[in-house]
C-alpha atoms as a PDB file:
ATOM      1  CA  MET A   1     -23.919 -12.504  -5.954  1.00  0.00           C
ATOM      2  CA  SER A   2     -21.364 -14.106  -3.613  1.00  0.00           C
ATOM      3  CA  ALA A   3     -20.684 -13.366   0.047  1.00  0.00           C
ATOM      4  CA  MET A   4     -18.500 -10.503  -1.150  1.00  0.00           C
ATOM      5  CA  SER A   5     -21.570  -8.368  -1.730  1.00  0.00           C
ATOM      6  CA  SER A   6     -22.294  -7.987   1.979  1.00  0.00           C
ATOM      7  CA  ALA A   7     -18.648  -7.734   2.916  1.00  0.00           C
ATOM      8  CA  THR A   8     -18.066  -4.768   0.637  1.00  0.00           C
ATOM      9  CA  GLN A   9     -21.172  -2.691   1.212  1.00  0.00           C
ATOM     10  CA  SER A  10     -19.228  -0.043   3.131  1.00  0.00           C
ATOM     11  CA  THR A  11     -16.765   0.431   0.277  1.00  0.00           C
ATOM     12  CA  THR A  12     -19.072   0.807  -2.695  1.00  0.00           C
ATOM     13  CA  PRO A  13     -18.074   3.487  -5.210  1.00  0.00           C
ATOM     14  CA  SER A  14     -20.992   5.753  -4.251  1.00  0.00           C
ATOM     15  CA  ALA A  15     -20.093   5.684  -0.561  1.00  0.00           C
ATOM     16  CA  VAL A  16     -16.454   6.435  -1.274  1.00  0.00           C
ATOM     17  CA  GLN A  17     -17.238   9.228  -3.736  1.00  0.00           C
ATOM     18  CA  SER A  18     -19.626  10.860  -1.256  1.00  0.00           C
ATOM     19  CA  ALA A  19     -16.983  10.902   1.454  1.00  0.00           C
ATOM     20  CA  THR A  20     -14.413  12.268  -0.963  1.00  0.00           C
ATOM     21  CA  ARG A  21     -16.634  15.123  -2.123  1.00  0.00           C
ATOM     22  CA  SER A  22     -17.202  16.333   1.439  1.00  0.00           C
ATOM     23  CA  THR A  23     -13.607  16.203   2.635  1.00  0.00           C
ATOM     24  CA  GLY A  24     -11.456  16.220  -0.512  1.00  0.00           C
ATOM     25  CA  LEU A  25      -9.661  13.102   0.694  1.00  0.00           C
ATOM     26  CA  SER A  26     -11.104   9.692   1.487  1.00  0.00           C
ATOM     27  CA  GLN A  27     -10.144   7.502   4.381  1.00  0.00           C
ATOM     28  CA  PRO A  28      -7.323   5.089   3.519  1.00  0.00           C
ATOM     29  CA  TYR A  29      -8.550   1.613   2.611  1.00  0.00           C
ATOM     30  CA  VAL A  30      -6.290  -1.399   3.032  1.00  0.00           C
ATOM     31  CA  TYR A  31      -7.075  -4.850   1.650  1.00  0.00           C
ATOM     32  CA  PHE A  32      -5.329  -8.104   2.511  1.00  0.00           C
ATOM     33  CA  VAL A  33      -5.730 -10.894  -0.043  1.00  0.00           C
ATOM     34  CA  PRO A  34      -4.249 -14.350   0.665  1.00  0.00           C
ATOM     35  CA  LEU A  35      -2.243 -15.791  -2.230  1.00  0.00           C
ATOM     36  CA  ASN A  36      -2.559 -19.445  -3.204  1.00  0.00           C
ATOM     37  CA  GLY A  37       0.944 -20.879  -3.389  1.00  0.00           C
ATOM     38  CA  THR A  38      -0.277 -24.123  -4.980  1.00  0.00           C
ATOM     39  CA  LEU A  39      -2.371 -22.722  -7.811  1.00  0.00           C
ATOM     40  CA  SER A  40      -3.173 -25.462 -10.324  1.00  0.00           C
ATOM     41  CA  SER A  41      -2.385 -25.163 -14.014  1.00  0.00           C
ATOM     42  CA  ALA A  42      -6.109 -25.117 -14.741  1.00  0.00           C
ATOM     43  CA  ASP A  43      -6.665 -22.234 -12.305  1.00  0.00           C
ATOM     44  CA  TYR A  44      -3.736 -20.351 -13.820  1.00  0.00           C
ATOM     45  CA  GLU A  45      -5.173 -20.698 -17.319  1.00  0.00           C
ATOM     46  CA  ALA A  46      -8.623 -19.734 -16.030  1.00  0.00           C
ATOM     47  CA  GLY A  47      -7.128 -16.576 -14.526  1.00  0.00           C
ATOM     48  CA  LEU A  48      -5.582 -15.606 -17.844  1.00  0.00           C
ATOM     49  CA  ALA A  49      -8.828 -16.449 -19.642  1.00  0.00           C
ATOM     50  CA  LEU A  50     -10.644 -13.711 -17.705  1.00  0.00           C
ATOM     51  CA  GLY A  51      -9.007 -11.269 -20.107  1.00  0.00           C
ATOM     52  CA  TRP A  52      -8.267  -8.697 -17.405  1.00  0.00           C
ATOM     53  CA  LEU A  53      -4.527  -8.388 -18.040  1.00  0.00           C
ATOM     54  CA  THR A  54      -2.954  -6.447 -20.889  1.00  0.00           C
ATOM     55  CA  ASP A  55      -0.733  -8.277 -23.361  1.00  0.00           C
ATOM     56  CA  ASP A  56       2.327  -6.778 -21.659  1.00  0.00           C
ATOM     57  CA  GLU A  57       1.184  -8.047 -18.261  1.00  0.00           C
ATOM     58  CA  VAL A  58       0.537 -11.537 -19.613  1.00  0.00           C
ATOM     59  CA  ALA A  59       4.023 -11.553 -21.141  1.00  0.00           C
ATOM     60  CA  LYS A  60       5.626 -10.448 -17.865  1.00  0.00           C
ATOM     61  CA  VAL A  61       3.821 -13.118 -15.869  1.00  0.00           C
ATOM     62  CA  SER A  62       4.662 -15.811 -18.419  1.00  0.00           C
ATOM     63  CA  ARG A  63       8.378 -14.966 -18.274  1.00  0.00           C
ATOM     64  CA  TYR A  64       8.711 -16.101 -14.661  1.00  0.00           C
ATOM     65  CA  ARG A  65      10.673 -19.345 -14.601  1.00  0.00           C
ATOM     66  CA  SER A  66       9.469 -20.339 -11.151  1.00  0.00           C
ATOM     67  CA  VAL A  67       5.933 -21.739 -11.095  1.00  0.00           C
ATOM     68  CA  SER A  68       5.255 -20.136  -7.705  1.00  0.00           C
ATOM     69  CA  ALA A  69       6.500 -16.732  -8.924  1.00  0.00           C
ATOM     70  CA  ARG A  70       4.363 -17.041 -12.044  1.00  0.00           C
ATOM     71  CA  ASN A  71       1.292 -17.958  -9.980  1.00  0.00           C
ATOM     72  CA  ASN A  72       1.879 -15.104  -7.548  1.00  0.00           C
ATOM     73  CA  GLY A  73       2.427 -12.665 -10.409  1.00  0.00           C
ATOM     74  CA  LEU A  74      -0.940 -13.557 -11.895  1.00  0.00           C
ATOM     75  CA  GLN A  75      -2.791 -13.454  -8.578  1.00  0.00           C
ATOM     76  CA  VAL A  76      -1.289 -10.087  -7.623  1.00  0.00           C
ATOM     77  CA  ARG A  77      -2.394  -8.516 -10.909  1.00  0.00           C
ATOM     78  CA  LEU A  78      -5.882 -10.004 -10.759  1.00  0.00           C
ATOM     79  CA  GLY A  79      -6.277  -9.044  -7.104  1.00  0.00           C
ATOM     80  CA  LEU A  80      -5.155  -5.465  -7.681  1.00  0.00           C
ATOM     81  CA  ARG A  81      -7.569  -4.935 -10.559  1.00  0.00           C
ATOM     82  CA  ALA A  82     -10.478  -6.461  -8.634  1.00  0.00           C
ATOM     83  CA  VAL A  83      -9.806  -4.325  -5.546  1.00  0.00           C
ATOM     84  CA  LEU A  84      -9.504  -1.129  -7.601  1.00  0.00           C
ATOM     85  CA  SER A  85     -12.897  -1.834  -9.146  1.00  0.00           C
ATOM     86  CA  LEU A  86     -14.478  -1.917  -5.683  1.00  0.00           C
ATOM     87  CA  HIS A  87     -13.887   1.845  -5.665  1.00  0.00           C
ATOM     88  CA  SER A  88     -14.871   2.711  -9.219  1.00  0.00           C
ATOM     89  CA  GLU A  89     -17.375   1.975 -11.926  1.00  0.00           C
ATOM     90  CA  LEU A  90     -14.482   0.778 -14.095  1.00  0.00           C
ATOM     91  CA  LYS A  91     -14.326  -2.961 -14.710  1.00  0.00           C
ATOM     92  CA  PRO A  92     -11.164  -4.908 -13.781  1.00  0.00           C
ATOM     93  CA  ASN A  93     -10.036  -5.180 -17.413  1.00  0.00           C
ATOM     94  CA  GLU A  94     -10.302  -1.399 -17.936  1.00  0.00           C
ATOM     95  CA  TRP A  95      -7.474  -0.328 -15.616  1.00  0.00           C
ATOM     96  CA  ARG A  96      -4.246   0.892 -17.195  1.00  0.00           C
ATOM     97  CA  PHE A  97      -1.030   1.649 -15.367  1.00  0.00           C
ATOM     98  CA  SER A  98       2.044   3.815 -15.746  1.00  0.00           C
ATOM     99  CA  TYR A  99       5.322   3.262 -13.926  1.00  0.00           C
ATOM    100  CA  GLY A 100       7.777   5.640 -12.312  1.00  0.00           C
ATOM    101  CA  ALA A 101      11.492   5.627 -13.052  1.00  0.00           C
ATOM    102  CA  LYS A 102      12.018   3.135 -10.218  1.00  0.00           C
ATOM    103  CA  GLY A 103       9.007   1.012 -11.106  1.00  0.00           C
ATOM    104  CA  LYS A 104       6.299   2.412  -8.823  1.00  0.00           C
ATOM    105  CA  PRO A 105       2.920   1.640 -10.432  1.00  0.00           C
ATOM    106  CA  ALA A 106       0.156   4.222 -10.679  1.00  0.00           C
ATOM    107  CA  LEU A 107      -2.899   4.821 -12.786  1.00  0.00           C
ATOM    108  CA  THR A 108      -2.313   6.410 -16.158  1.00  0.00           C
ATOM    109  CA  PRO A 109      -2.809  10.204 -16.020  1.00  0.00           C
ATOM    110  CA  ASP A 110      -6.223  10.043 -17.702  1.00  0.00           C
ATOM    111  CA  LEU A 111      -7.536   7.409 -15.266  1.00  0.00           C
ATOM    112  CA  LEU A 112      -6.081   9.276 -12.295  1.00  0.00           C
ATOM    113  CA  ALA A 113      -7.868  12.440 -13.423  1.00  0.00           C
ATOM    114  CA  LYS A 114     -11.095  10.492 -13.933  1.00  0.00           C
ATOM    115  CA  THR A 115     -11.094   8.578 -10.635  1.00  0.00           C
ATOM    116  CA  GLY A 116      -8.838  10.538  -8.257  1.00  0.00           C
ATOM    117  CA  LEU A 117      -7.654   7.137  -7.080  1.00  0.00           C
ATOM    118  CA  HIS A 118      -4.185   6.608  -5.611  1.00  0.00           C
ATOM    119  CA  PHE A 119      -2.980   3.133  -4.756  1.00  0.00           C
ATOM    120  CA  ASN A 120       0.042   1.187  -3.663  1.00  0.00           C
ATOM    121  CA  LEU A 121       0.602  -2.526  -3.241  1.00  0.00           C
ATOM    122  CA  SER A 122       2.961  -4.945  -1.559  1.00  0.00           C
ATOM    123  CA  HIS A 123       3.194  -8.703  -1.329  1.00  0.00           C
ATOM    124  CA  SER A 124       5.190 -10.975   0.930  1.00  0.00           C
ATOM    125  CA  GLY A 125       4.880 -14.695   1.469  1.00  0.00           C
ATOM    126  CA  GLU A 126       1.230 -15.638   1.321  1.00  0.00           C
ATOM    127  CA  TRP A 127      -0.282 -12.132   1.389  1.00  0.00           C
ATOM    128  CA  LEU A 128      -1.059  -9.354  -1.070  1.00  0.00           C
ATOM    129  CA  MET A 129      -1.692  -5.909   0.447  1.00  0.00           C
ATOM    130  CA  VAL A 130      -3.395  -3.139  -1.530  1.00  0.00           C
ATOM    131  CA  GLY A 131      -3.802   0.394  -0.183  1.00  0.00           C
ATOM    132  CA  ILE A 132      -6.243   2.870  -1.738  1.00  0.00           C
ATOM    133  CA  LEU A 133      -6.781   6.593  -1.195  1.00  0.00           C
ATOM    134  CA  ILE A 134      -9.110   8.825  -3.206  1.00  0.00           C
ATOM    135  CA  ALA A 135      -8.660  12.584  -3.624  1.00  0.00           C
ATOM    136  CA  SER A 136     -10.881  15.126  -5.317  1.00  0.00           C
ATOM    137  CA  ASN A 137      -9.903  15.536  -8.958  1.00  0.00           C
ATOM    138  CA  ALA A 138      -9.396  19.278  -8.544  1.00  0.00           C
ATOM    139  CA  GLU A 139      -6.240  18.659  -6.562  1.00  0.00           C
ATOM    140  CA  GLN A 140      -4.686  16.102  -8.870  1.00  0.00           C
ATOM    141  CA  LYS A 141      -1.181  16.666 -10.116  1.00  0.00           C
ATOM    142  CA  ASN A 142       0.571  13.744  -8.621  1.00  0.00           C
ATOM    143  CA  GLU A 143       1.836  11.200 -11.081  1.00  0.00           C
ATOM    144  CA  PRO A 144       4.221  11.749 -14.008  1.00  0.00           C
ATOM    145  CA  THR A 145       2.696  12.823 -17.289  1.00  0.00           C
ATOM    146  CA  SER A 146       3.978  11.635 -20.648  1.00  0.00           C
ATOM    147  CA  GLU A 147       6.317  14.640 -20.667  1.00  0.00           C
ATOM    148  CA  ASP A 148       8.075  13.845 -17.400  1.00  0.00           C
ATOM    149  CA  ALA A 149       7.562  10.104 -17.022  1.00  0.00           C
ATOM    150  CA  SER A 150      11.239   9.449 -17.694  1.00  0.00           C
ATOM    151  CA  ASN A 151      12.382  11.691 -14.838  1.00  0.00           C
ATOM    152  CA  GLU A 152      13.157  10.553 -11.319  1.00  0.00           C
ATOM    153  CA  TRP A 153       9.886  10.009  -9.482  1.00  0.00           C
ATOM    154  CA  VAL A 154      10.148  11.996  -6.285  1.00  0.00           C
ATOM    155  CA  CYS A 155       7.717  13.881  -4.095  1.00  0.00           C
ATOM    156  CA  ARG A 156       7.777  17.332  -5.643  1.00  0.00           C
ATOM    157  CA  PRO A 157       6.035  20.351  -4.088  1.00  0.00           C
ATOM    158  CA  GLN A 158       3.396  20.424  -6.840  1.00  0.00           C
ATOM    159  CA  GLN A 159       2.408  16.878  -5.956  1.00  0.00           C
ATOM    160  CA  ALA A 160      -0.376  16.689  -3.424  1.00  0.00           C
ATOM    161  CA  ILE A 161      -0.095  13.091  -2.240  1.00  0.00           C
ATOM    162  CA  CYS A 162       2.599  10.482  -1.652  1.00  0.00           C
ATOM    163  CA  PHE A 163       1.128   7.143  -0.542  1.00  0.00           C
ATOM    164  CA  GLY A 164       2.875   3.851   0.228  1.00  0.00           C
ATOM    165  CA  VAL A 165       2.149   0.520   1.901  1.00  0.00           C
ATOM    166  CA  ASP A 166       4.260  -2.485   2.824  1.00  0.00           C
ATOM    167  CA  ILE A 167       3.720  -5.934   4.288  1.00  0.00           C
ATOM    168  CA  GLU A 168       6.595  -7.970   5.704  1.00  0.00           C
ATOM    169  CA  ARG A 169       6.924 -11.560   6.822  1.00  0.00           C
ATOM    170  CA  GLU A 170       9.067 -12.021   9.915  1.00  0.00           C
ATOM    171  CA  ARG A 171      11.799 -14.538   9.107  1.00  0.00           C
ATOM    172  CA  SER A 172      13.735 -16.317  11.833  1.00  0.00           C
ATOM    173  CA  SER A 173      16.591 -17.045   9.399  1.00  0.00           C
ATOM    174  CA  THR A 174      17.354 -13.378   8.658  1.00  0.00           C
ATOM    175  CA  ASP A 175      20.655 -12.201  10.147  1.00  0.00           C
ATOM    176  CA  ILE A 176      19.540  -8.756  11.257  1.00  0.00           C
ATOM    177  CA  VAL A 177      22.877  -7.364  12.530  1.00  0.00           C
ATOM    178  CA  PRO A 178      24.548  -6.736   9.121  1.00  0.00           C
ATOM    179  CA  ILE A 179      21.320  -5.172   7.855  1.00  0.00           C
ATOM    180  CA  LEU A 180      21.122  -2.906  10.892  1.00  0.00           C
ATOM    181  CA  ASN A 181      24.638  -1.665  10.277  1.00  0.00           C
ATOM    182  CA  HIS A 182      24.054  -1.066   6.573  1.00  0.00           C
ATOM    183  CA  TYR A 183      20.525   0.357   6.373  1.00  0.00           C
ATOM    184  CA  PHE A 184      19.488   1.657   9.786  1.00  0.00           C
ATOM    185  CA  THR A 185      20.411   4.941  11.442  1.00  0.00           C
ATOM    186  CA  GLU A 186      22.467   4.990  14.607  1.00  0.00           C
ATOM    187  CA  ALA A 187      19.417   6.054  16.623  1.00  0.00           C
ATOM    188  CA  GLU A 188      17.317   3.165  15.269  1.00  0.00           C
ATOM    189  CA  THR A 189      20.079   0.637  15.884  1.00  0.00           C
ATOM    190  CA  ASN A 190      20.806   1.814  19.429  1.00  0.00           C
ATOM    191  CA  THR A 191      17.130   1.813  20.381  1.00  0.00           C
ATOM    192  CA  LEU A 192      16.595  -1.660  18.951  1.00  0.00           C
ATOM    193  CA  LEU A 193      19.635  -3.159  20.704  1.00  0.00           C
ATOM    194  CA  GLN A 194      18.395  -1.844  24.044  1.00  0.00           C
ATOM    195  CA  LEU A 195      15.339  -4.090  23.779  1.00  0.00           C
ATOM    196  CA  PRO A 196      15.313  -7.606  25.265  1.00  0.00           C
ATOM    197  CA  GLU A 197      16.864  -9.999  22.768  1.00  0.00           C
ATOM    198  CA  GLU A 198      13.586 -11.813  22.139  1.00  0.00           C
ATOM    199  CA  LEU A 199      11.984  -8.518  21.003  1.00  0.00           C
ATOM    200  CA  GLN A 200      14.805  -7.264  18.797  1.00  0.00           C
ATOM    201  CA  ARG A 201      13.874  -9.304  15.722  1.00  0.00           C
ATOM    202  CA  GLN A 202      10.252  -8.249  16.043  1.00  0.00           C
ATOM    203  CA  ARG A 203      11.176  -4.575  16.198  1.00  0.00           C
ATOM    204  CA  PHE A 204      13.583  -4.986  13.260  1.00  0.00           C
ATOM    205  CA  PHE A 205      10.742  -6.077  10.985  1.00  0.00           C
ATOM    206  CA  ASP A 206       8.482  -3.369  12.430  1.00  0.00           C
ATOM    207  CA  LEU A 207      11.059  -0.760  11.438  1.00  0.00           C
ATOM    208  CA  TRP A 208      11.672  -2.341   8.057  1.00  0.00           C
ATOM    209  CA  SER A 209       7.980  -2.296   7.125  1.00  0.00           C
ATOM    210  CA  VAL A 210       7.670   1.414   7.972  1.00  0.00           C
ATOM    211  CA  LYS A 211      10.868   2.266   6.094  1.00  0.00           C
ATOM    212  CA  GLU A 212       9.668   0.355   3.038  1.00  0.00           C
ATOM    213  CA  SER A 213       6.260   2.049   3.099  1.00  0.00           C
ATOM    214  CA  TYR A 214       7.954   5.463   3.181  1.00  0.00           C
ATOM    215  CA  ILE A 215      10.351   4.827   0.301  1.00  0.00           C
ATOM    216  CA  LYS A 216       7.460   3.338  -1.686  1.00  0.00           C
ATOM    217  CA  ALA A 217       5.446   6.487  -1.022  1.00  0.00           C
ATOM    218  CA  ARG A 218       8.396   8.472  -2.374  1.00  0.00           C
ATOM    219  CA  GLY A 219       8.582   6.187  -5.417  1.00  0.00           C
ATOM    220  CA  LEU A 220      12.376   5.898  -5.336  1.00  0.00           C
ATOM    221  CA  GLY A 221      12.863   2.391  -3.982  1.00  0.00           C
ATOM    222  CA  LEU A 222      16.299   1.672  -2.563  1.00  0.00           C
ATOM    223  CA  ALA A 223      17.728   4.559  -4.580  1.00  0.00           C
ATOM    224  CA  LEU A 224      16.663   6.530  -1.504  1.00  0.00           C
ATOM    225  CA  SER A 225      19.064   5.903   1.362  1.00  0.00           C
ATOM    226  CA  LEU A 226      17.367   4.197   4.287  1.00  0.00           C
ATOM    227  CA  LYS A 227      19.715   6.187   6.518  1.00  0.00           C
ATOM    228  CA  SER A 228      18.325   9.498   5.264  1.00  0.00           C
ATOM    229  CA  PHE A 229      15.455   9.144   7.721  1.00  0.00           C
ATOM    230  CA  SER A 230      14.696   7.244  10.903  1.00  0.00           C
ATOM    231  CA  VAL A 231      11.584   5.679  12.407  1.00  0.00           C
ATOM    232  CA  ASP A 232      10.775   6.555  16.011  1.00  0.00           C
ATOM    233  CA  PHE A 233       8.483   4.319  18.071  1.00  0.00           C
ATOM    234  CA  SER A 234       9.255   6.038  21.390  1.00  0.00           C
ATOM    235  CA  ARG A 235       5.881   7.799  21.596  1.00  0.00           C
ATOM    236  CA  SER A 236       3.812   5.357  19.591  1.00  0.00           C
ATOM    237  CA  GLN A 237       0.552   4.095  21.020  1.00  0.00           C
ATOM    238  CA  GLN A 238      -0.710   0.555  20.607  1.00  0.00           C
ATOM    239  CA  CYS A 239      -4.382  -0.028  19.942  1.00  0.00           C
ATOM    240  CA  HIS A 240      -6.590  -2.512  18.121  1.00  0.00           C
ATOM    241  CA  ILE A 241      -8.796  -1.964  15.090  1.00  0.00           C
ATOM    242  CA  PRO A 242     -11.204  -4.368  13.370  1.00  0.00           C
ATOM    243  CA  LEU A 243     -10.110  -6.371  10.352  1.00  0.00           C
ATOM    244  CA  GLN A 244     -13.303  -6.886   8.364  1.00  0.00           C
ATOM    245  CA  LEU A 245     -13.755 -10.447   7.127  1.00  0.00           C
ATOM    246  CA  ILE A 246     -15.594 -11.888   4.147  1.00  0.00           C
ATOM    247  CA  ASP A 247     -18.384 -13.369   6.278  1.00  0.00           C
ATOM    248  CA  ASN A 248     -19.221  -9.847   7.509  1.00  0.00           C
ATOM    249  CA  GLY A 249     -17.562 -10.554  10.833  1.00  0.00           C
ATOM    250  CA  SER A 250     -14.316  -9.064  12.075  1.00  0.00           C
ATOM    251  CA  LYS A 251     -11.317  -9.766  14.253  1.00  0.00           C
ATOM    252  CA  PRO A 252      -9.073  -7.304  16.104  1.00  0.00           C
ATOM    253  CA  ILE A 253      -5.599  -6.582  14.788  1.00  0.00           C
ATOM    254  CA  GLU A 254      -2.834  -4.658  16.506  1.00  0.00           C
ATOM    255  CA  LEU A 255      -2.049  -1.134  15.310  1.00  0.00           C
ATOM    256  CA  HIS A 256       0.696   1.270  16.396  1.00  0.00           C
ATOM    257  CA  LYS A 257      -0.177   4.916  15.816  1.00  0.00           C
ATOM    258  CA  LEU A 258       1.888   8.076  16.340  1.00  0.00           C
ATOM    259  CA  VAL A 259       4.946   6.437  14.792  1.00  0.00           C
ATOM    260  CA  LYS A 260       7.219   9.305  13.754  1.00  0.00           C
ATOM    261  CA  LEU A 261       9.473   9.798  10.738  1.00  0.00           C
ATOM    262  CA  LYS A 262      12.572  11.893  11.421  1.00  0.00           C
ATOM    263  CA  PHE A 263      14.763  13.214   8.622  1.00  0.00           C
ATOM    264  CA  THR A 264      18.557  13.353   8.753  1.00  0.00           C
ATOM    265  CA  ASP A 265      18.522  16.549   6.683  1.00  0.00           C
ATOM    266  CA  SER A 266      15.729  18.900   7.770  1.00  0.00           C
ATOM    267  CA  LYS A 267      16.159  20.879   4.521  1.00  0.00           C
ATOM    268  CA  GLU A 268      15.430  17.827   2.387  1.00  0.00           C
ATOM    269  CA  PRO A 269      12.291  18.651   0.321  1.00  0.00           C
ATOM    270  CA  ALA A 270      10.324  15.669   1.619  1.00  0.00           C
ATOM    271  CA  ALA A 271      10.880  16.969   5.155  1.00  0.00           C
ATOM    272  CA  SER A 272      10.161  20.640   4.533  1.00  0.00           C
ATOM    273  CA  ASP A 273       7.379  20.458   1.926  1.00  0.00           C
ATOM    274  CA  PHE A 274       5.322  17.523   3.207  1.00  0.00           C
ATOM    275  CA  SER A 275       3.630  16.468   6.401  1.00  0.00           C
ATOM    276  CA  TRP A 276       3.951  12.736   7.021  1.00  0.00           C
ATOM    277  CA  GLN A 277       1.818  10.216   8.871  1.00  0.00           C
ATOM    278  CA  THR A 278       2.522   6.532   9.286  1.00  0.00           C
ATOM    279  CA  VAL A 279       0.994   3.578  11.102  1.00  0.00           C
ATOM    280  CA  MET A 280       2.355   0.087  11.647  1.00  0.00           C
ATOM    281  CA  GLY A 281       0.160  -2.922  12.331  1.00  0.00           C
ATOM    282  CA  ARG A 282       0.401  -6.661  12.829  1.00  0.00           C
ATOM    283  CA  LEU A 283      -1.851  -8.843  10.748  1.00  0.00           C
ATOM    284  CA  ASP A 284      -0.802 -11.805  12.901  1.00  0.00           C
ATOM    285  CA  GLU A 285       2.325 -12.990  14.713  1.00  0.00           C
ATOM    286  CA  GLU A 286       4.171 -13.559  11.437  1.00  0.00           C
ATOM    287  CA  TYR A 287       3.128 -10.592   9.277  1.00  0.00           C
ATOM    288  CA  ARG A 288       3.205  -6.879   9.930  1.00  0.00           C
ATOM    289  CA  PHE A 289       2.262  -3.999   7.665  1.00  0.00           C
ATOM    290  CA  ALA A 290       2.709  -0.238   7.401  1.00  0.00           C
ATOM    291  CA  VAL A 291       0.856   2.619   5.722  1.00  0.00           C
ATOM    292  CA  THR A 292       2.562   5.971   5.082  1.00  0.00           C
ATOM    293  CA  LEU A 293       0.972   9.127   3.718  1.00  0.00           C
ATOM    294  CA  GLY A 294       2.643  12.402   2.796  1.00  0.00           C
ATOM    295  CA  LEU A 295       0.505  15.479   2.122  1.00  0.00           C
ATOM    296  CA  ALA A 296       2.078  18.500   0.480  1.00  0.00           C
ATOM    297  CA  SER A 297       1.923  21.432   2.879  1.00  0.00           C
ATOM    298  CA  SER A 298       0.662  23.660   0.072  1.00  0.00           C
ATOM    299  CA  ALA A 299      -2.297  21.367  -0.649  1.00  0.00           C
ATOM    300  CA  ALA A 300      -3.152  19.944   2.781  1.00  0.00           C
ATOM    301  CA  SER A 301      -5.830  22.539   3.551  1.00  0.00           C
ATOM    302  CA  THR A 302      -7.647  21.972   0.257  1.00  0.00           C
ATOM    303  CA  LEU A 303      -7.394  18.186   0.381  1.00  0.00           C
ATOM    304  CA  ALA A 304      -8.807  17.961   3.892  1.00  0.00           C
ATOM    305  CA  THR A 305     -11.062  20.641   5.334  1.00  0.00           C
ATOM    306  CA  GLU A 306     -10.582  19.155   8.802  1.00  0.00           C
ATOM    307  CA  PRO A 307      -7.403  17.804  10.432  1.00  0.00           C
ATOM    308  CA  TYR A 308      -6.749  14.560   8.585  1.00  0.00           C
ATOM    309  CA  SER A 309      -5.572  11.472  10.446  1.00  0.00           C
ATOM    310  CA  ILE A 310      -4.930   8.057   8.967  1.00  0.00           C
ATOM    311  CA  TYR A 311      -4.783   6.731  12.534  1.00  0.00           C
ATOM    312  CA  ASN A 312      -8.480   7.337  13.128  1.00  0.00           C
ATOM    313  CA  THR A 313      -9.853   6.490   9.692  1.00  0.00           C
ATOM    314  CA  LEU A 314      -7.898   3.458   8.459  1.00  0.00           C
ATOM    315  CA  SER A 315     -10.170   0.725   7.098  1.00  0.00           C
ATOM    316  CA  CYS A 316      -8.762  -2.836   6.892  1.00  0.00           C
ATOM    317  CA  THR A 317     -10.483  -5.695   5.083  1.00  0.00           C
ATOM    318  CA  GLN A 318      -9.495  -9.284   4.311  1.00  0.00           C
ATOM    319  CA  LEU A 319     -10.863 -10.667   1.039  1.00  0.00           C
ATOM    320  CA  SER A 320     -10.195 -13.905  -0.794  1.00  0.00           C
ATOM    321  CA  LEU A 321      -9.246 -13.773  -4.455  1.00  0.00           C
ATOM    322  CA  ASP A 322     -11.997 -16.282  -5.270  1.00  0.00           C
ATOM    323  CA  ASP A 323     -14.671 -14.017  -3.828  1.00  0.00           C
ATOM    324  CA  LEU A 324     -13.229 -10.984  -5.608  1.00  0.00           C
ATOM    325  CA  LEU A 325     -13.290 -12.855  -8.913  1.00  0.00           C
ATOM    326  CA  ASN A 326     -16.811 -14.135  -8.322  1.00  0.00           C
ATOM    327  CA  VAL A 327     -18.160 -10.602  -7.913  1.00  0.00           C
ATOM    328  CA  TYR A 328     -17.182  -9.771 -11.488  1.00  0.00           C
ATOM    329  CA  LYS A 329     -18.035 -13.166 -12.930  1.00  0.00           C
ATOM    330  CA  GLU A 330     -21.586 -12.748 -11.626  1.00  0.00           C
ATOM    331  CA  SER A 331     -22.004  -9.058 -12.481  1.00  0.00           C
END
């Protein structure tokens, strides 16, 4: 087996399932997979030939007019399936997905009940980010069933978990002022503009990544007003955590914990019925990421028998798509 075997020993299905049984909720796992922007036609066809994608997925990927978009679409789908299989006995071709009203992907209800696995993904520029969280099956009533799949996908009280991730590439060409005025709260805008000018763009993308991770956790996309909540970094703490690498080494990456979400309307169900945690990190100088988790107040005590903190348990790993594919080619 390839170098992936040693790099993924800590995230084998048995290890994850053991942790989940004892606490009801696993640590959050985040994977960063670099995307190849110059994928050859032969590699593209080889990716399809694996047979992992459904006919619908193949059709969606093939409809992209841009070669780069088509290549990214294929790599994202292959990468997601390979990462999910690191946490399950299911093979990459066995995963099936359902989609919320605003397009948020999730496992089909039967696979969610079988695996307890929640995921979210994001891609920007040259990176795919996949976040995974596993809950005990006894607490599962999170994703829409066939009866309510057509309804708005929101965090309802009977849902135990809302989970979202986002990765953003900092772009020097982005005119941030109009976006601030349109999407950011007055408190966020005022705080950002008080920073030295050279730090304002950096903080803009920090805020944007957290906001995106929250609305992705909610499953509403931009149908949810970005001014309905604000992100507060005033009491955040900067630290460093290891990013595990394929060669079994690691490198430190910057993480900001104790980032707070504040809601414009305190009576809004997401504010009153859920407790929220979020972290923001920097993969490098160009890319930052965020992870947001909402636990229903009614289920928090059964999901986690001890105080649960994504700040202290977040696991980050960088894996290449080639190594992910080789694991399943050789198995």
